[in-house]
Amino acid sequence: MELGVLGPLQVRKDGAPVAIPGAKPRAILTMLGLHGGSIVPAGTLVELLWGDDPPRTADKALQTHISSLRRTLGDGFVVTEGTGWTLSTTEIDASRYKLAARTGRAAAAAGDTGQAMARLEEALALWRGIPELPDTARGAAEKTRWVEGYAALVEDRADALLATGRAAEIVGELEAAVAEAPLRERRWGQLMLALYRAGRQGEALGAYQRARSLLADELGVD
């Protein structure tokens, strides 16, 4: 079984796609996949599906959705552990993503920029978009956690690329990254550094002035 949760839910069994009907079963499977290897308590799933004011039948409904997933996916995939559930498979994109990101960051800290680049790019290639979760407080917090983690990983890769001395190659990417998230100050710093190292000092100063004006106008930070 292969499970993709970094983006719209994808399930494949023996190479063939498996349809998971229903928004709530899909959300449960996504949440379990994002926490692959860990137990997700029943209370967390109830909060994910129904928010802060679940119906009295929420626990029973949750059990029904779990049973539906087991019928679709087969026995032994969704595993009961105490008062929660986990997944038996290791073929989850989120698990591979976390391992590659952790290994890449460790390599960068050790000064192995080649290995850092390879592993960080491996992680970034697994990202397909925002996980398929509901807009409850729990779902929104989980989505924010993963989106913020992805944004930081993009910046870690930029640092690794700058460390290889290939500043000129990354200027375009950093301009796009700044346009995508203009209030992320780390990206502005990386853009200024890339321009400076590429011999474009005037443009580096221009980027500084753009960032300064933006922060002053948007946040009142001078």
C-alpha atoms as a PDB file:
ATOM      1  CA  MET A   1       0.000   0.000   0.000  1.00  0.00           C
ATOM      2  CA  GLU A   2       1.296   3.445  -0.964  1.00  0.00           C
ATOM      3  CA  LEU A   3      -0.178   6.526   0.678  1.00  0.00           C
ATOM      4  CA  GLY A   4       0.240  10.128  -0.451  1.00  0.00           C
ATOM      5  CA  VAL A   5      -0.966  12.817   1.957  1.00  0.00           C
ATOM      6  CA  LEU A   6       1.238  15.791   1.021  1.00  0.00           C
ATOM      7  CA  GLY A   7      -1.422  17.219  -1.249  1.00  0.00           C
ATOM      8  CA  PRO A   8      -4.759  15.682  -2.293  1.00  0.00           C
ATOM      9  CA  LEU A   9      -5.077  12.191  -0.826  1.00  0.00           C
ATOM     10  CA  GLN A  10      -3.679   9.413  -3.021  1.00  0.00           C
ATOM     11  CA  VAL A  11      -3.873   5.702  -2.264  1.00  0.00           C
ATOM     12  CA  ARG A  12      -2.406   2.925  -4.396  1.00  0.00           C
ATOM     13  CA  LYS A  13      -2.506  -0.808  -3.771  1.00  0.00           C
ATOM     14  CA  ASP A  14      -0.257  -3.022  -5.883  1.00  0.00           C
ATOM     15  CA  GLY A  15       0.218  -0.026  -8.178  1.00  0.00           C
ATOM     16  CA  ALA A  16      -3.504   0.549  -8.784  1.00  0.00           C
ATOM     17  CA  PRO A  17      -5.370   3.586  -7.394  1.00  0.00           C
ATOM     18  CA  VAL A  18      -7.816   2.990  -4.559  1.00  0.00           C
ATOM     19  CA  ALA A  19     -10.828   5.291  -4.172  1.00  0.00           C
ATOM     20  CA  ILE A  20     -11.576   6.451  -0.619  1.00  0.00           C
ATOM     21  CA  PRO A  21     -15.188   7.691  -0.547  1.00  0.00           C
ATOM     22  CA  GLY A  22     -16.348  10.340   1.901  1.00  0.00           C
ATOM     23  CA  ALA A  23     -14.683  13.484   3.220  1.00  0.00           C
ATOM     24  CA  LYS A  24     -14.401  12.248   6.803  1.00  0.00           C
ATOM     25  CA  PRO A  25     -12.738   8.876   6.034  1.00  0.00           C
ATOM     26  CA  ARG A  26     -10.361  10.745   3.707  1.00  0.00           C
ATOM     27  CA  ALA A  27      -9.525  13.224   6.473  1.00  0.00           C
ATOM     28  CA  ILE A  28      -8.902  10.400   8.968  1.00  0.00           C
ATOM     29  CA  LEU A  29      -6.578   8.589   6.574  1.00  0.00           C
ATOM     30  CA  THR A  30      -4.752  11.820   5.761  1.00  0.00           C
ATOM     31  CA  MET A  31      -4.242  12.594   9.452  1.00  0.00           C
ATOM     32  CA  LEU A  32      -2.965   9.082  10.169  1.00  0.00           C
ATOM     33  CA  GLY A  33      -0.597   9.372   7.199  1.00  0.00           C
ATOM     34  CA  LEU A  34       0.763  12.731   8.334  1.00  0.00           C
ATOM     35  CA  HIS A  35       1.527  11.143  11.696  1.00  0.00           C
ATOM     36  CA  GLY A  36       2.835   7.886  10.196  1.00  0.00           C
ATOM     37  CA  GLY A  37       4.482   5.765  12.873  1.00  0.00           C
ATOM     38  CA  SER A  38       2.670   7.567  15.696  1.00  0.00           C
ATOM     39  CA  ILE A  39      -0.667   6.869  17.364  1.00  0.00           C
ATOM     40  CA  VAL A  40      -3.396   9.431  16.733  1.00  0.00           C
ATOM     41  CA  PRO A  41      -5.857   9.424  19.669  1.00  0.00           C
ATOM     42  CA  ALA A  42      -9.596   9.162  19.089  1.00  0.00           C
ATOM     43  CA  GLY A  43     -10.101  12.570  20.715  1.00  0.00           C
ATOM     44  CA  THR A  44      -7.767  14.200  18.191  1.00  0.00           C
ATOM     45  CA  LEU A  45      -9.711  12.697  15.282  1.00  0.00           C
ATOM     46  CA  VAL A  46     -13.055  13.773  16.761  1.00  0.00           C
ATOM     47  CA  GLU A  47     -11.701  17.307  17.113  1.00  0.00           C
ATOM     48  CA  LEU A  48     -10.356  17.151  13.550  1.00  0.00           C
ATOM     49  CA  LEU A  49     -13.679  16.072  12.061  1.00  0.00           C
ATOM     50  CA  TRP A  50     -16.208  18.015  14.147  1.00  0.00           C
ATOM     51  CA  GLY A  51     -14.317  20.850  15.824  1.00  0.00           C
ATOM     52  CA  ASP A  52     -14.896  22.025  19.373  1.00  0.00           C
ATOM     53  CA  ASP A  53     -18.590  21.045  19.534  1.00  0.00           C
ATOM     54  CA  PRO A  54     -18.873  17.453  18.310  1.00  0.00           C
ATOM     55  CA  PRO A  55     -22.244  15.685  18.271  1.00  0.00           C
ATOM     56  CA  ARG A  56     -23.040  13.138  20.977  1.00  0.00           C
ATOM     57  CA  THR A  57     -22.706  10.412  18.354  1.00  0.00           C
ATOM     58  CA  ALA A  58     -19.183  11.482  17.340  1.00  0.00           C
ATOM     59  CA  ASP A  59     -17.366   8.520  18.921  1.00  0.00           C
ATOM     60  CA  LYS A  60     -19.717   6.013  17.291  1.00  0.00           C
ATOM     61  CA  ALA A  61     -19.495   7.827  13.941  1.00  0.00           C
ATOM     62  CA  LEU A  62     -15.699   7.798  14.162  1.00  0.00           C
ATOM     63  CA  GLN A  63     -15.721   4.026  14.680  1.00  0.00           C
ATOM     64  CA  THR A  64     -17.995   3.702  11.642  1.00  0.00           C
ATOM     65  CA  HIS A  65     -15.567   5.709   9.495  1.00  0.00           C
ATOM     66  CA  ILE A  66     -12.639   3.594  10.705  1.00  0.00           C
ATOM     67  CA  SER A  67     -14.569   0.424   9.798  1.00  0.00           C
ATOM     68  CA  SER A  68     -15.280   1.887   6.358  1.00  0.00           C
ATOM     69  CA  LEU A  69     -11.575   2.502   5.813  1.00  0.00           C
ATOM     70  CA  ARG A  70     -10.748  -1.051   6.839  1.00  0.00           C
ATOM     71  CA  ARG A  71     -13.290  -2.476   4.416  1.00  0.00           C
ATOM     72  CA  THR A  72     -11.785  -0.401   1.606  1.00  0.00           C
ATOM     73  CA  LEU A  73      -8.117  -0.914   2.450  1.00  0.00           C
ATOM     74  CA  GLY A  74      -8.180  -4.412   3.908  1.00  0.00           C
ATOM     75  CA  ASP A  75      -7.380  -5.699   7.370  1.00  0.00           C
ATOM     76  CA  GLY A  76      -4.100  -4.805   9.025  1.00  0.00           C
ATOM     77  CA  PHE A  77      -3.592  -1.377   7.455  1.00  0.00           C
ATOM     78  CA  VAL A  78      -5.395   0.804  10.015  1.00  0.00           C
ATOM     79  CA  VAL A  79      -4.251  -0.568  13.383  1.00  0.00           C
ATOM     80  CA  THR A  80      -5.925   0.038  16.749  1.00  0.00           C
ATOM     81  CA  GLU A  81      -3.486   1.034  19.496  1.00  0.00           C
ATOM     82  CA  GLY A  82      -5.113   1.699  22.864  1.00  0.00           C
ATOM     83  CA  THR A  83      -7.652   4.483  22.353  1.00  0.00           C
ATOM     84  CA  GLY A  84      -6.225   5.567  19.002  1.00  0.00           C
ATOM     85  CA  TRP A  85      -5.040   4.346  15.617  1.00  0.00           C
ATOM     86  CA  THR A  86      -1.895   4.179  13.522  1.00  0.00           C
ATOM     87  CA  LEU A  87      -0.929   2.819  10.102  1.00  0.00           C
ATOM     88  CA  SER A  88       1.044  -0.359   9.499  1.00  0.00           C
ATOM     89  CA  THR A  89       2.687   0.735   6.254  1.00  0.00           C
ATOM     90  CA  THR A  90       5.944   2.649   5.867  1.00  0.00           C
ATOM     91  CA  GLU A  91       5.129   3.622   2.260  1.00  0.00           C
ATOM     92  CA  ILE A  92       3.879   7.081   3.182  1.00  0.00           C
ATOM     93  CA  ASP A  93       5.147  10.194   1.424  1.00  0.00           C
ATOM     94  CA  ALA A  94       5.034  12.213   4.662  1.00  0.00           C
ATOM     95  CA  SER A  95       7.342   9.741   6.402  1.00  0.00           C
ATOM     96  CA  ARG A  96       9.837   9.819   3.518  1.00  0.00           C
ATOM     97  CA  TYR A  97       9.581  13.615   3.436  1.00  0.00           C
ATOM     98  CA  LYS A  98      10.410  13.955   7.141  1.00  0.00           C
ATOM     99  CA  LEU A  99      13.347  11.548   6.889  1.00  0.00           C
ATOM    100  CA  ALA A 100      14.820  13.290   3.836  1.00  0.00           C
ATOM    101  CA  ALA A 101      14.380  16.734   5.415  1.00  0.00           C
ATOM    102  CA  ARG A 102      15.993  15.629   8.680  1.00  0.00           C
ATOM    103  CA  THR A 103      18.920  13.984   6.859  1.00  0.00           C
ATOM    104  CA  GLY A 104      19.402  17.006   4.606  1.00  0.00           C
ATOM    105  CA  ARG A 105      19.473  19.430   7.498  1.00  0.00           C
ATOM    106  CA  ALA A 106      21.927  17.245   9.391  1.00  0.00           C
ATOM    107  CA  ALA A 107      24.183  17.137   6.324  1.00  0.00           C
ATOM    108  CA  ALA A 108      24.003  20.922   5.989  1.00  0.00           C
ATOM    109  CA  ALA A 109      24.944  21.345   9.659  1.00  0.00           C
ATOM    110  CA  ALA A 110      27.916  19.017   9.086  1.00  0.00           C
ATOM    111  CA  GLY A 111      29.057  21.039   6.074  1.00  0.00           C
ATOM    112  CA  ASP A 112      28.200  18.355   3.489  1.00  0.00           C
ATOM    113  CA  THR A 113      26.411  20.658   1.062  1.00  0.00           C
ATOM    114  CA  GLY A 114      26.200  18.076  -1.741  1.00  0.00           C
ATOM    115  CA  GLN A 115      24.351  15.585   0.451  1.00  0.00           C
ATOM    116  CA  ALA A 116      22.261  18.389   1.928  1.00  0.00           C
ATOM    117  CA  MET A 117      21.131  19.524  -1.529  1.00  0.00           C
ATOM    118  CA  ALA A 118      20.288  15.989  -2.631  1.00  0.00           C
ATOM    119  CA  ARG A 119      18.197  15.153   0.419  1.00  0.00           C
ATOM    120  CA  LEU A 120      16.442  18.518   0.654  1.00  0.00           C
ATOM    121  CA  GLU A 121      15.475  18.331  -3.012  1.00  0.00           C
ATOM    122  CA  GLU A 122      14.273  14.757  -2.458  1.00  0.00           C
ATOM    123  CA  ALA A 123      11.974  16.039   0.288  1.00  0.00           C
ATOM    124  CA  LEU A 124      10.707  19.008  -1.729  1.00  0.00           C
ATOM    125  CA  ALA A 125       9.885  16.762  -4.691  1.00  0.00           C
ATOM    126  CA  LEU A 126       7.413  14.837  -2.510  1.00  0.00           C
ATOM    127  CA  TRP A 127       5.341  17.934  -1.744  1.00  0.00           C
ATOM    128  CA  ARG A 128       2.198  18.199  -3.896  1.00  0.00           C
ATOM    129  CA  GLY A 129       0.338  20.821  -1.890  1.00  0.00           C
ATOM    130  CA  ILE A 130      -1.736  21.363   1.243  1.00  0.00           C
ATOM    131  CA  PRO A 131      -2.892  18.140   2.942  1.00  0.00           C
ATOM    132  CA  GLU A 132      -6.558  17.242   2.474  1.00  0.00           C
ATOM    133  CA  LEU A 133      -7.956  18.132   5.894  1.00  0.00           C
ATOM    134  CA  PRO A 134     -11.120  19.949   7.045  1.00  0.00           C
ATOM    135  CA  ASP A 135     -11.162  23.601   8.071  1.00  0.00           C
ATOM    136  CA  THR A 136     -11.760  22.899  11.743  1.00  0.00           C
ATOM    137  CA  ALA A 137      -9.353  24.464  14.233  1.00  0.00           C
ATOM    138  CA  ARG A 138      -7.411  21.183  14.450  1.00  0.00           C
ATOM    139  CA  GLY A 139      -7.370  20.747  10.674  1.00  0.00           C
ATOM    140  CA  ALA A 140      -6.285  24.342  10.053  1.00  0.00           C
ATOM    141  CA  ALA A 141      -3.493  24.060  12.628  1.00  0.00           C
ATOM    142  CA  GLU A 142      -2.235  20.843  11.051  1.00  0.00           C
ATOM    143  CA  LYS A 143      -2.267  22.358   7.568  1.00  0.00           C
ATOM    144  CA  THR A 144      -0.437  25.460   8.807  1.00  0.00           C
ATOM    145  CA  ARG A 145       2.205  23.278  10.479  1.00  0.00           C
ATOM    146  CA  TRP A 146       2.954  21.454   7.232  1.00  0.00           C
ATOM    147  CA  VAL A 147       2.818  24.548   5.006  1.00  0.00           C
ATOM    148  CA  GLU A 148       5.198  26.400   7.336  1.00  0.00           C
ATOM    149  CA  GLY A 149       7.505  23.389   7.428  1.00  0.00           C
ATOM    150  CA  TYR A 150       7.563  23.260   3.632  1.00  0.00           C
ATOM    151  CA  ALA A 151       8.333  26.998   3.402  1.00  0.00           C
ATOM    152  CA  ALA A 152      11.246  26.582   5.818  1.00  0.00           C
ATOM    153  CA  LEU A 153      12.526  23.636   3.779  1.00  0.00           C
ATOM    154  CA  VAL A 154      12.509  25.768   0.611  1.00  0.00           C
ATOM    155  CA  GLU A 155      14.660  28.263   2.487  1.00  0.00           C
ATOM    156  CA  ASP A 156      16.986  25.564   3.826  1.00  0.00           C
ATOM    157  CA  ARG A 157      17.560  24.397   0.250  1.00  0.00           C
ATOM    158  CA  ALA A 158      18.341  27.975  -0.796  1.00  0.00           C
ATOM    159  CA  ASP A 159      20.921  28.226   1.991  1.00  0.00           C
ATOM    160  CA  ALA A 160      22.492  24.950   0.851  1.00  0.00           C
ATOM    161  CA  LEU A 161      22.654  26.164  -2.743  1.00  0.00           C
ATOM    162  CA  LEU A 162      24.210  29.463  -1.663  1.00  0.00           C
ATOM    163  CA  ALA A 163      26.798  27.478   0.297  1.00  0.00           C
ATOM    164  CA  THR A 164      27.865  25.703  -2.902  1.00  0.00           C
ATOM    165  CA  GLY A 165      28.813  29.043  -4.471  1.00  0.00           C
ATOM    166  CA  ARG A 166      26.072  28.889  -7.117  1.00  0.00           C
ATOM    167  CA  ALA A 167      24.479  32.215  -6.142  1.00  0.00           C
ATOM    168  CA  ALA A 168      23.706  33.323  -9.697  1.00  0.00           C
ATOM    169  CA  GLU A 169      21.620  30.195 -10.317  1.00  0.00           C
ATOM    170  CA  ILE A 170      19.238  30.876  -7.486  1.00  0.00           C
ATOM    171  CA  VAL A 171      18.413  34.566  -7.979  1.00  0.00           C
ATOM    172  CA  GLY A 172      15.359  33.824 -10.114  1.00  0.00           C
ATOM    173  CA  GLU A 173      14.073  31.213  -7.667  1.00  0.00           C
ATOM    174  CA  LEU A 174      14.497  33.606  -4.764  1.00  0.00           C
ATOM    175  CA  GLU A 175      12.682  36.413  -6.581  1.00  0.00           C
ATOM    176  CA  ALA A 176       9.776  34.010  -7.075  1.00  0.00           C
ATOM    177  CA  ALA A 177       9.981  32.860  -3.442  1.00  0.00           C
ATOM    178  CA  VAL A 178       9.887  36.457  -2.216  1.00  0.00           C
ATOM    179  CA  ALA A 179       6.890  37.216  -4.433  1.00  0.00           C
ATOM    180  CA  GLU A 180       5.098  34.133  -3.081  1.00  0.00           C
ATOM    181  CA  ALA A 181       5.679  35.015   0.593  1.00  0.00           C
ATOM    182  CA  PRO A 182       6.816  38.656   0.785  1.00  0.00           C
ATOM    183  CA  LEU A 183       6.734  38.848   4.591  1.00  0.00           C
ATOM    184  CA  ARG A 184       9.204  35.988   5.094  1.00  0.00           C
ATOM    185  CA  GLU A 185      12.302  38.019   5.943  1.00  0.00           C
ATOM    186  CA  ARG A 186      14.678  35.080   5.570  1.00  0.00           C
ATOM    187  CA  ARG A 187      13.916  34.950   1.838  1.00  0.00           C
ATOM    188  CA  TRP A 188      14.743  38.622   1.417  1.00  0.00           C
ATOM    189  CA  GLY A 189      18.059  38.056   3.175  1.00  0.00           C
ATOM    190  CA  GLN A 190      18.841  35.140   0.883  1.00  0.00           C
ATOM    191  CA  LEU A 191      17.949  37.191  -2.203  1.00  0.00           C
ATOM    192  CA  MET A 192      20.195  40.066  -1.126  1.00  0.00           C
ATOM    193  CA  LEU A 193      23.059  37.670  -0.440  1.00  0.00           C
ATOM    194  CA  ALA A 194      22.621  35.864  -3.772  1.00  0.00           C
ATOM    195  CA  LEU A 195      22.616  39.145  -5.703  1.00  0.00           C
ATOM    196  CA  TYR A 196      25.673  40.397  -3.818  1.00  0.00           C
ATOM    197  CA  ARG A 197      27.623  37.193  -4.396  1.00  0.00           C
ATOM    198  CA  ALA A 198      26.640  37.240  -8.069  1.00  0.00           C
ATOM    199  CA  GLY A 199      28.299  40.650  -8.416  1.00  0.00           C
ATOM    200  CA  ARG A 200      25.010  42.556  -8.525  1.00  0.00           C
ATOM    201  CA  GLN A 201      25.548  44.806  -5.532  1.00  0.00           C
ATOM    202  CA  GLY A 202      23.254  47.571  -6.768  1.00  0.00           C
ATOM    203  CA  GLU A 203      20.379  45.121  -7.162  1.00  0.00           C
ATOM    204  CA  ALA A 204      21.151  43.680  -3.723  1.00  0.00           C
ATOM    205  CA  LEU A 205      20.757  47.161  -2.243  1.00  0.00           C
ATOM    206  CA  GLY A 206      17.566  47.582  -4.274  1.00  0.00           C
ATOM    207  CA  ALA A 207      16.178  44.367  -2.776  1.00  0.00           C
ATOM    208  CA  TYR A 208      17.007  45.706   0.685  1.00  0.00           C
ATOM    209  CA  GLN A 209      15.080  48.901  -0.048  1.00  0.00           C
ATOM    210  CA  ARG A 210      12.102  46.921  -1.378  1.00  0.00           C
ATOM    211  CA  ALA A 211      12.041  44.768   1.754  1.00  0.00           C
ATOM    212  CA  ARG A 212      12.380  47.795   4.021  1.00  0.00           C
ATOM    213  CA  SER A 213       9.509  49.617   2.299  1.00  0.00           C
ATOM    214  CA  LEU A 214       7.295  46.528   2.356  1.00  0.00           C
ATOM    215  CA  LEU A 215       7.801  45.898   6.074  1.00  0.00           C
ATOM    216  CA  ALA A 216       7.220  49.561   6.869  1.00  0.00           C
ATOM    217  CA  ASP A 217       4.035  49.757   4.766  1.00  0.00           C
ATOM    218  CA  GLU A 218       2.536  46.399   5.757  1.00  0.00           C
ATOM    219  CA  LEU A 219       3.630  46.040   9.371  1.00  0.00           C
ATOM    220  CA  GLY A 220       4.855  49.445  10.485  1.00  0.00           C
ATOM    221  CA  VAL A 221       8.308  47.896  11.054  1.00  0.00           C
ATOM    222  CA  ASP A 222      10.999  50.357  10.017  1.00  0.00           C
END
